[in-house]
Amino acid sequence: MKIFNWAYDIFKSLDFSNDVSSYLNLGVNIIILVVVSYILDYLFKKLFIIFLAIIAARTKSSFDDFLVANKTAKYLAHLLPLLFIYKTVPVILKNFTYWEYIFEKGVKIYIIILSLWITRSIFNSLRDYLKQKPRFSDKPIDSYIQVIMLFLWLFGIISFVLILFDVSKTTLLTTFGSISAIIILIFRDTILGFVASISVSVNDMVRIGDWITMEKFGADGDVIEINLATVKVRNFDNTTTTIPTYSLISDSFKNWRGMLDSDGRRIKRHVLIKANTVRFIQSEELENFKKIQHLTAYINHRQADIDKYNLNNGIDKSVIVNGRNLTNLGLFRKYINQYILSHPGINKDMQLMVRHLQPTEKGIPLEIYCFSKDKTWLNYEHIMADIFDHVMASLPYFDLEVSELGTPSPKTVAE
């Protein structure tokens, strides 16, 4: 076309040779092509952004807002200048067959890259949109998108090789088969992460927002991100721990979701009672213990059973150890059980008990096992502290003491 040879005529009139004039003409045409393509890219980019912004303002859905935020319009705007270049350059390079061949490969590769960029921006927009929906807020959407993009990039890389080296698909697959061991070694972490990501998603092992504990990596907090390679956990001290996704299926971890979805959070803690402070209750002491409201009905019923048993079996009560008796530790255990039953922060419909554990050289463990209604960490700690504050303050009323290593009891000192 003559429109692309005007520079050639000028250079010829200046007494340049045919070859020099052709190359100079080519250089001028390429410069003009670059300038025009840049102007077209700039104009269409502005038009696309304005167009999407108008649509975003007029629609109720926020998806188009995310398309704007993820620069989808910018990538789409590159398509028209690319089409202009694709149609124009073969004409410019009509007399340069080799360069036309190189250009054709370059355009094909750029089309693949641009297609991947557009696809990625759309998927990122979809990810941001779905994360706003309560139904998908706890799903590892990042991981799904990364898996899809991994396959697309793999397809793109294979296409690059086929275009650049004019290799047939059969030859390429044969080559990949030969070096598969090296490929697996290089991409080992990616492959493991891919398998783990699918396993975590299918088995619903972890969701975004779950509280997990993984001592191996020092993680104790909420999951904020799940992707193909890593899981990010924001610990309760506001630090962030990054865990390899594969570790979630190869190592053990604790997920607290079951507790949060249940009707209560477990309280399981004990106090150590000094063994030498445990004793029988004298009959003259019972009236004082009956004044404790949580024990009145229990003592009346229990003492009646004990007296009946001792009478029917002819027990000599001149020695207190004979027969059945109430103990200060038994009364204290019953008192704490009744106190917990009356506590407003405890779920009465779940397991509740006060029990003895195996005595040790440190003392007799008296364990409280129950479930708080409020599962929020701060409120849970307040409920548990309130119960054990009362437990510790109640011990002296039953003539019991907490076992403390290295501290002798008053009785020992008196002896």
Protein backbone atom coordinates (compact mmCIF):
# COMPACT_ATOMS: atom_id res chain seq x y z
CA MET A 1 0.00 0.00 0.00
CA LYS A 2 1.31 3.44 -0.95
CA ILE A 3 0.30 4.94 2.37
CA PHE A 4 3.08 2.88 3.99
CA ASN A 5 5.69 3.78 1.34
CA TRP A 6 5.65 7.58 1.55
CA ALA A 7 8.85 7.60 3.61
CA TYR A 8 10.50 5.29 1.08
CA ASP A 9 9.87 7.83 -1.69
CA ILE A 10 11.32 10.62 0.44
CA PHE A 11 14.49 8.68 1.22
CA LYS A 12 14.88 7.70 -2.43
CA SER A 13 14.65 11.36 -3.43
CA LEU A 14 17.49 11.99 -1.02
CA ASP A 15 19.68 9.56 -3.01
CA PHE A 16 19.56 6.67 -0.46
CA SER A 17 19.91 3.16 -1.91
CA ASN A 18 16.90 0.86 -2.23
CA ASP A 19 17.90 -1.30 0.75
CA VAL A 20 18.64 1.68 3.02
CA SER A 21 15.44 3.41 1.95
CA SER A 22 13.44 0.22 2.66
CA TYR A 23 14.88 -0.19 6.16
CA LEU A 24 14.47 3.52 6.98
CA ASN A 25 10.89 3.36 5.70
CA LEU A 26 10.31 0.33 7.90
CA GLY A 27 11.71 2.16 10.92
CA VAL A 28 9.48 5.20 10.33
CA ASN A 29 6.39 2.99 9.89
CA ILE A 30 7.16 1.09 13.09
CA ILE A 31 7.57 4.35 15.06
CA ILE A 32 4.26 5.64 13.69
CA LEU A 33 2.62 2.29 14.45
CA VAL A 34 3.85 2.38 18.06
CA VAL A 35 2.63 5.97 18.55
CA VAL A 36 -0.79 5.27 17.02
CA SER A 37 -1.15 2.03 19.01
CA TYR A 38 -0.27 3.85 22.23
CA ILE A 39 -2.85 6.57 21.49
CA LEU A 40 -5.50 3.96 20.67
CA ASP A 41 -4.65 2.02 23.84
CA TYR A 42 -4.90 5.18 25.95
CA LEU A 43 -8.22 6.27 24.40
CA PHE A 44 -9.90 2.87 24.56
CA LYS A 45 -8.66 2.32 28.11
CA LYS A 46 -10.29 5.59 29.19
CA LEU A 47 -13.49 4.71 27.32
CA PHE A 48 -13.69 1.22 28.84
CA ILE A 49 -13.05 2.53 32.37
CA ILE A 50 -15.71 5.23 31.97
CA PHE A 51 -18.12 2.69 30.44
CA LEU A 52 -17.65 0.21 33.31
CA ALA A 53 -17.88 2.99 35.89
CA ILE A 54 -21.24 4.10 34.44
CA ILE A 55 -22.52 0.50 34.51
CA ALA A 56 -21.25 0.04 38.06
CA ALA A 57 -23.07 3.18 39.18
CA ARG A 58 -26.37 2.07 37.63
CA THR A 59 -26.44 -1.54 38.78
CA LYS A 60 -27.15 -2.91 42.24
CA SER A 61 -24.57 -5.68 41.97
CA SER A 62 -21.07 -4.93 43.24
CA PHE A 63 -19.45 -7.35 40.80
CA ASP A 64 -18.87 -4.65 38.19
CA ASP A 65 -17.27 -2.48 40.88
CA PHE A 66 -14.74 -5.23 41.45
CA LEU A 67 -14.14 -5.49 37.69
CA VAL A 68 -13.12 -1.83 37.75
CA ALA A 69 -10.98 -2.31 40.87
CA ASN A 70 -9.14 -5.29 39.34
CA LYS A 71 -8.31 -3.37 36.12
CA THR A 72 -10.34 -5.61 33.82
CA ALA A 73 -11.14 -2.59 31.60
CA LYS A 74 -7.42 -1.83 31.24
CA TYR A 75 -6.67 -5.33 29.94
CA LEU A 76 -9.71 -5.38 27.64
CA ALA A 77 -8.61 -2.03 26.18
CA HIS A 78 -5.39 -3.68 24.97
CA LEU A 79 -7.38 -5.89 22.60
CA LEU A 80 -8.25 -3.16 20.07
CA PRO A 81 -4.67 -1.80 19.66
CA LEU A 82 -3.54 -5.42 19.37
CA LEU A 83 -6.07 -6.00 16.59
CA PHE A 84 -4.83 -2.84 14.85
CA ILE A 85 -1.22 -4.04 15.09
CA TYR A 86 -2.15 -7.54 13.96
CA LYS A 87 -3.81 -6.20 10.80
CA THR A 88 -1.25 -3.46 10.04
CA VAL A 89 2.17 -5.01 10.61
CA PRO A 90 1.87 -7.75 7.93
CA VAL A 91 1.37 -4.95 5.43
CA ILE A 92 4.34 -3.01 6.79
CA LEU A 93 6.50 -6.16 6.77
CA LYS A 94 5.33 -7.32 3.35
CA ASN A 95 8.87 -7.22 1.96
CA PHE A 96 10.44 -8.63 5.14
CA THR A 97 9.22 -12.22 5.27
CA TYR A 98 11.51 -13.31 8.14
CA TRP A 99 10.46 -10.43 10.40
CA GLU A 100 6.82 -11.05 9.57
CA TYR A 101 7.29 -14.66 10.75
CA ILE A 102 8.85 -13.46 14.03
CA PHE A 103 6.11 -10.87 14.46
CA GLU A 104 3.39 -13.48 13.99
CA LYS A 105 4.83 -15.57 16.81
CA GLY A 106 5.16 -12.53 19.05
CA VAL A 107 1.54 -11.50 18.51
CA LYS A 108 0.26 -15.02 19.22
CA ILE A 109 2.24 -15.16 22.48
CA TYR A 110 1.00 -11.71 23.51
CA ILE A 111 -2.60 -12.78 22.77
CA ILE A 112 -2.17 -15.75 25.12
CA ILE A 113 -0.62 -13.57 27.86
CA LEU A 114 -3.33 -10.92 27.50
CA SER A 115 -6.04 -13.59 27.63
CA LEU A 116 -4.54 -14.93 30.86
CA TRP A 117 -4.41 -11.43 32.36
CA ILE A 118 -8.05 -10.80 31.48
CA THR A 119 -9.08 -14.18 32.89
CA ARG A 120 -7.12 -13.55 36.09
CA SER A 121 -8.68 -10.12 36.62
CA ILE A 122 -12.18 -11.57 36.11
CA PHE A 123 -11.48 -14.40 38.56
CA ASN A 124 -10.06 -11.93 41.11
CA SER A 125 -13.21 -9.83 40.74
CA LEU A 126 -15.32 -12.95 41.25
CA ARG A 127 -13.25 -13.84 44.34
CA ASP A 128 -13.74 -10.39 45.90
CA TYR A 129 -17.45 -10.49 45.07
CA LEU A 130 -18.03 -13.94 46.59
CA LYS A 131 -16.11 -13.08 49.75
CA GLN A 132 -18.81 -10.51 50.49
CA LYS A 133 -21.47 -13.20 50.45
CA PRO A 134 -22.03 -14.93 53.84
CA ARG A 135 -22.49 -18.24 52.06
CA PHE A 136 -18.96 -18.12 50.60
CA SER A 137 -17.12 -16.01 53.19
CA ASP A 138 -15.59 -19.06 54.89
CA LYS A 139 -14.72 -20.94 51.68
CA PRO A 140 -11.10 -21.11 50.37
CA ILE A 141 -11.96 -19.26 47.15
CA ASP A 142 -8.32 -18.16 46.70
CA SER A 143 -7.31 -21.80 46.56
CA TYR A 144 -9.92 -22.66 43.91
CA ILE A 145 -8.89 -19.74 41.73
CA GLN A 146 -5.19 -20.56 42.07
CA VAL A 147 -5.86 -24.14 40.99
CA ILE A 148 -7.75 -22.95 37.89
CA MET A 149 -5.08 -20.35 37.07
CA LEU A 150 -2.36 -22.97 37.54
CA PHE A 151 -3.90 -25.10 34.81
CA LEU A 152 -4.43 -22.07 32.57
CA TRP A 153 -0.81 -20.92 32.98
CA LEU A 154 0.37 -24.47 32.33
CA PHE A 155 -1.69 -24.48 29.14
CA GLY A 156 -0.23 -21.05 28.27
CA ILE A 157 3.37 -22.20 28.80
CA ILE A 158 2.80 -25.27 26.62
CA SER A 159 1.34 -22.98 23.95
CA PHE A 160 4.42 -20.71 24.20
CA VAL A 161 6.71 -23.67 23.57
CA LEU A 162 4.62 -24.92 20.65
CA ILE A 163 4.59 -21.46 19.04
CA LEU A 164 8.23 -20.52 19.65
CA PHE A 165 9.85 -23.78 18.55
CA ASP A 166 7.26 -25.14 16.13
CA VAL A 167 7.13 -28.33 18.14
CA SER A 168 4.33 -30.83 17.61
CA LYS A 169 2.12 -31.77 20.56
CA THR A 170 3.24 -35.39 20.38
CA THR A 171 6.92 -34.45 20.58
CA LEU A 172 6.23 -32.08 23.49
CA LEU A 173 4.30 -34.70 25.46
CA THR A 174 7.06 -37.25 24.85
CA THR A 175 9.65 -34.76 26.14
CA PHE A 176 7.57 -34.00 29.22
CA GLY A 177 7.27 -37.71 29.90
CA SER A 178 11.03 -38.11 29.75
CA ILE A 179 11.72 -35.30 32.21
CA SER A 180 8.65 -35.89 34.40
CA ALA A 181 10.80 -36.90 37.40
CA ILE A 182 12.70 -33.60 37.24
CA ILE A 183 9.45 -31.65 36.84
CA ILE A 184 7.92 -33.40 39.87
CA LEU A 185 11.04 -32.63 41.93
CA ILE A 186 11.03 -28.95 40.93
CA PHE A 187 7.29 -28.48 41.50
CA ARG A 188 7.04 -30.80 44.50
CA ASP A 189 5.71 -28.14 46.90
CA THR A 190 3.22 -26.87 44.34
CA ILE A 191 1.92 -30.39 43.65
CA LEU A 192 1.65 -31.19 47.37
CA GLY A 193 -0.10 -27.88 47.97
CA PHE A 194 -2.49 -28.60 45.12
CA VAL A 195 -3.38 -32.05 46.51
CA ALA A 196 -3.70 -30.66 50.05
CA SER A 197 -5.84 -27.75 48.92
CA ILE A 198 -8.32 -30.10 47.27
CA SER A 199 -8.33 -32.41 50.31
CA VAL A 200 -8.88 -29.53 52.74
CA SER A 201 -11.76 -28.20 50.63
CA VAL A 202 -13.47 -31.52 49.91
CA ASN A 203 -13.23 -32.77 53.53
CA ASP A 204 -14.12 -29.34 54.96
CA MET A 205 -11.16 -29.57 57.34
CA VAL A 206 -10.56 -25.83 57.61
CA ARG A 207 -12.58 -22.78 56.65
CA ILE A 208 -11.69 -19.10 56.63
CA GLY A 209 -12.59 -17.76 60.05
CA ASP A 210 -11.93 -21.05 61.88
CA TRP A 211 -9.92 -20.92 65.09
CA ILE A 212 -7.13 -23.48 64.79
CA THR A 213 -4.19 -24.43 66.99
CA MET A 214 -1.05 -25.97 65.50
CA GLU A 215 1.77 -26.13 68.03
CA LYS A 216 4.39 -27.23 65.49
CA PHE A 217 4.18 -23.83 63.75
CA GLY A 218 3.22 -21.79 66.81
CA ALA A 219 -0.20 -21.03 65.33
CA ASP A 220 -3.12 -20.24 67.63
CA GLY A 221 -5.73 -17.98 66.09
CA ASP A 222 -8.16 -17.40 63.23
CA VAL A 223 -7.59 -18.54 59.64
CA ILE A 224 -7.61 -15.44 57.41
CA GLU A 225 -6.50 -16.92 54.09
CA ILE A 226 -6.27 -20.31 52.41
CA ASN A 227 -4.46 -20.57 49.10
CA LEU A 228 -2.66 -23.18 47.06
CA ALA A 229 0.65 -23.07 48.95
CA THR A 230 -0.05 -21.61 52.39
CA VAL A 231 -2.63 -21.03 55.09
CA LYS A 232 -2.37 -17.73 56.99
CA VAL A 233 -3.38 -17.63 60.65
CA ARG A 234 -3.77 -14.40 62.61
CA ASN A 235 -2.78 -15.29 66.16
CA PHE A 236 -4.45 -13.75 69.18
CA ASP A 237 -1.37 -11.58 69.79
CA ASN A 238 -1.99 -10.10 66.28
CA THR A 239 1.04 -11.82 64.77
CA THR A 240 0.59 -13.83 61.57
CA THR A 241 1.72 -17.43 61.12
CA THR A 242 2.06 -18.97 57.67
CA ILE A 243 1.51 -22.74 57.49
CA PRO A 244 2.18 -24.88 54.39
CA THR A 245 -1.19 -26.15 53.16
CA TYR A 246 0.16 -29.68 52.93
CA SER A 247 0.88 -29.66 56.68
CA LEU A 248 -2.85 -29.59 57.38
CA ILE A 249 -3.15 -33.16 56.06
CA SER A 250 0.27 -34.47 57.06
CA ASP A 251 0.41 -33.10 60.63
CA SER A 252 -2.14 -32.87 63.42
CA PHE A 253 -3.89 -29.65 64.37
CA LYS A 254 -6.86 -28.63 66.48
CA ASN A 255 -9.88 -26.94 64.92
CA TRP A 256 -12.15 -25.25 67.46
CA ARG A 257 -15.09 -24.91 65.03
CA GLY A 258 -16.94 -27.81 66.67
CA MET A 259 -16.80 -26.04 70.03
CA LEU A 260 -18.00 -22.76 68.54
CA ASP A 261 -20.89 -24.52 66.79
CA SER A 262 -21.92 -26.38 69.95
CA ASP A 263 -24.04 -25.13 72.86
CA GLY A 264 -21.14 -24.50 75.22
CA ARG A 265 -17.41 -24.24 75.79
CA ARG A 266 -15.80 -26.73 78.13
CA ILE A 267 -14.36 -25.80 81.51
CA LYS A 268 -12.02 -28.54 82.74
CA ARG A 269 -9.76 -27.46 85.57
CA HIS A 270 -8.84 -28.76 89.00
CA VAL A 271 -7.56 -27.55 92.35
CA LEU A 272 -5.14 -29.56 94.49
CA ILE A 273 -6.39 -30.24 98.02
CA LYS A 274 -3.95 -31.08 100.83
CA ALA A 275 -4.56 -34.70 101.76
CA ASN A 276 -3.92 -34.12 105.48
CA THR A 277 -6.74 -31.57 105.69
CA VAL A 278 -9.40 -34.14 104.73
CA ARG A 279 -11.34 -35.39 107.78
CA PHE A 280 -14.70 -36.68 109.02
CA ILE A 281 -17.44 -34.27 110.03
CA GLN A 282 -18.39 -34.30 113.71
CA SER A 283 -22.13 -34.44 114.50
CA GLU A 284 -21.97 -31.09 116.33
CA GLU A 285 -20.62 -29.46 113.15
CA LEU A 286 -23.57 -30.41 110.99
CA GLU A 287 -25.80 -27.56 112.17
CA ASN A 288 -23.26 -25.01 110.99
CA PHE A 289 -22.95 -26.70 107.60
CA LYS A 290 -26.74 -26.82 107.25
CA LYS A 291 -26.73 -23.02 107.27
CA ILE A 292 -25.04 -23.17 103.83
CA GLN A 293 -28.08 -23.03 101.54
CA HIS A 294 -26.64 -25.24 98.82
CA LEU A 295 -26.05 -28.01 101.41
CA THR A 296 -29.13 -27.90 103.64
CA ALA A 297 -31.30 -30.36 101.72
CA TYR A 298 -28.34 -32.59 100.87
CA ILE A 299 -27.15 -32.90 104.50
CA ASN A 300 -30.66 -33.71 105.79
CA HIS A 301 -31.17 -36.43 103.20
CA ARG A 302 -27.62 -37.79 103.33
CA GLN A 303 -27.37 -37.85 107.14
CA ALA A 304 -30.68 -39.65 107.38
CA ASP A 305 -29.37 -42.39 105.05
CA ILE A 306 -26.11 -42.64 106.99
CA ASP A 307 -27.86 -42.84 110.40
CA LYS A 308 -30.25 -45.51 109.09
CA TYR A 309 -27.37 -47.59 107.70
CA ASN A 310 -25.30 -47.33 110.89
CA LEU A 311 -28.34 -48.23 113.07
CA ASN A 312 -29.38 -51.23 110.96
CA ASN A 313 -25.83 -52.58 110.97
CA GLY A 314 -25.13 -52.00 114.68
CA ILE A 315 -22.22 -49.65 114.02
CA ASP A 316 -20.32 -48.48 117.12
CA LYS A 317 -20.10 -44.71 116.61
CA SER A 318 -18.02 -44.14 119.70
CA VAL A 319 -15.15 -44.38 117.23
CA ILE A 320 -15.89 -42.03 114.36
CA VAL A 321 -14.09 -44.08 111.73
CA ASN A 322 -16.67 -46.88 112.13
CA GLY A 323 -19.50 -47.06 109.63
CA ARG A 324 -20.44 -44.40 107.16
CA ASN A 325 -19.67 -40.71 107.71
CA LEU A 326 -19.74 -37.35 106.02
CA THR A 327 -16.36 -35.78 105.22
CA ASN A 328 -15.40 -32.15 104.74
CA LEU A 329 -14.11 -32.92 101.24
CA GLY A 330 -17.34 -34.72 100.30
CA LEU A 331 -19.44 -31.77 101.53
CA PHE A 332 -17.20 -29.34 99.68
CA ARG A 333 -17.48 -31.37 96.47
CA LYS A 334 -21.28 -31.39 96.75
CA TYR A 335 -21.34 -27.69 97.56
CA ILE A 336 -19.28 -26.78 94.48
CA ASN A 337 -21.50 -29.02 92.34
CA GLN A 338 -24.63 -27.21 93.55
CA TYR A 339 -22.94 -23.82 93.18
CA ILE A 340 -22.08 -24.54 89.54
CA LEU A 341 -25.66 -25.73 88.90
CA SER A 342 -26.92 -22.39 90.14
CA HIS A 343 -24.37 -20.32 88.19
CA PRO A 344 -26.09 -18.32 85.40
CA GLY A 345 -23.10 -18.69 83.05
CA ILE A 346 -23.16 -22.51 82.95
CA ASN A 347 -25.15 -24.59 80.45
CA LYS A 348 -27.18 -27.03 82.59
CA ASP A 349 -28.14 -29.16 79.57
CA MET A 350 -24.56 -30.31 79.00
CA GLN A 351 -22.29 -32.55 81.07
CA LEU A 352 -21.61 -31.17 84.55
CA MET A 353 -19.72 -32.76 87.43
CA VAL A 354 -17.22 -32.20 90.21
CA ARG A 355 -14.96 -35.24 90.58
CA HIS A 356 -11.84 -36.61 92.24
CA LEU A 357 -8.85 -37.43 90.10
CA GLN A 358 -6.03 -39.81 90.96
CA PRO A 359 -4.27 -38.49 94.11
CA THR A 360 -0.64 -37.54 93.61
CA GLU A 361 2.30 -36.51 95.79
CA LYS A 362 1.14 -32.92 95.21
CA GLY A 363 -2.34 -33.46 96.68
CA ILE A 364 -5.85 -34.61 95.80
CA PRO A 365 -7.06 -33.09 92.49
CA LEU A 366 -10.68 -31.93 92.63
CA GLU A 367 -11.76 -31.30 89.05
CA ILE A 368 -14.61 -29.14 87.83
CA TYR A 369 -16.02 -30.31 84.50
CA CYS A 370 -18.79 -28.25 82.88
CA PHE A 371 -19.64 -26.05 79.88
CA SER A 372 -20.13 -22.29 79.79
CA LYS A 373 -23.03 -20.85 77.81
CA ASP A 374 -20.91 -18.04 76.39
CA LYS A 375 -18.18 -19.31 74.05
CA THR A 376 -16.50 -15.94 73.50
CA TRP A 377 -12.96 -16.17 74.84
CA LEU A 378 -13.10 -13.08 77.07
CA ASN A 379 -16.48 -13.96 78.62
CA TYR A 380 -15.49 -17.61 78.97
CA GLU A 381 -12.41 -16.64 80.95
CA HIS A 382 -14.50 -14.37 83.19
CA ILE A 383 -16.98 -17.18 83.92
CA MET A 384 -14.21 -19.67 84.71
CA ALA A 385 -12.34 -17.17 86.90
CA ASP A 386 -15.55 -16.31 88.77
CA ILE A 387 -16.14 -19.99 89.57
CA PHE A 388 -12.60 -20.65 90.77
CA ASP A 389 -12.48 -17.42 92.76
CA HIS A 390 -15.45 -18.76 94.70
CA VAL A 391 -13.89 -22.23 95.00
CA MET A 392 -10.69 -20.87 96.50
CA ALA A 393 -12.53 -18.55 98.88
CA SER A 394 -14.86 -21.39 100.04
CA LEU A 395 -12.13 -23.84 101.06
CA PRO A 396 -11.52 -22.44 104.58
CA TYR A 397 -15.24 -22.87 105.44
CA PHE A 398 -14.74 -26.61 105.06
CA ASP A 399 -11.40 -26.64 106.90
CA LEU A 400 -9.60 -27.54 103.67
CA GLU A 401 -6.42 -26.09 102.17
CA VAL A 402 -4.95 -25.78 98.72
CA SER A 403 -1.81 -27.83 98.24
CA GLU A 404 1.22 -25.60 97.62
CA LEU A 405 4.62 -27.13 97.08
CA GLY A 406 7.12 -26.24 99.78
CA THR A 407 4.48 -24.77 102.12
CA PRO A 408 3.72 -26.92 105.20
CA SER A 409 0.21 -26.91 106.62
CA PRO A 410 -0.49 -25.29 110.04
CA LYS A 411 -1.04 -28.74 111.52
CA THR A 412 2.42 -29.83 110.42
CA VAL A 413 3.97 -26.70 111.90
CA ALA A 414 2.13 -27.21 115.18
CA GLU A 415 3.40 -30.75 115.46
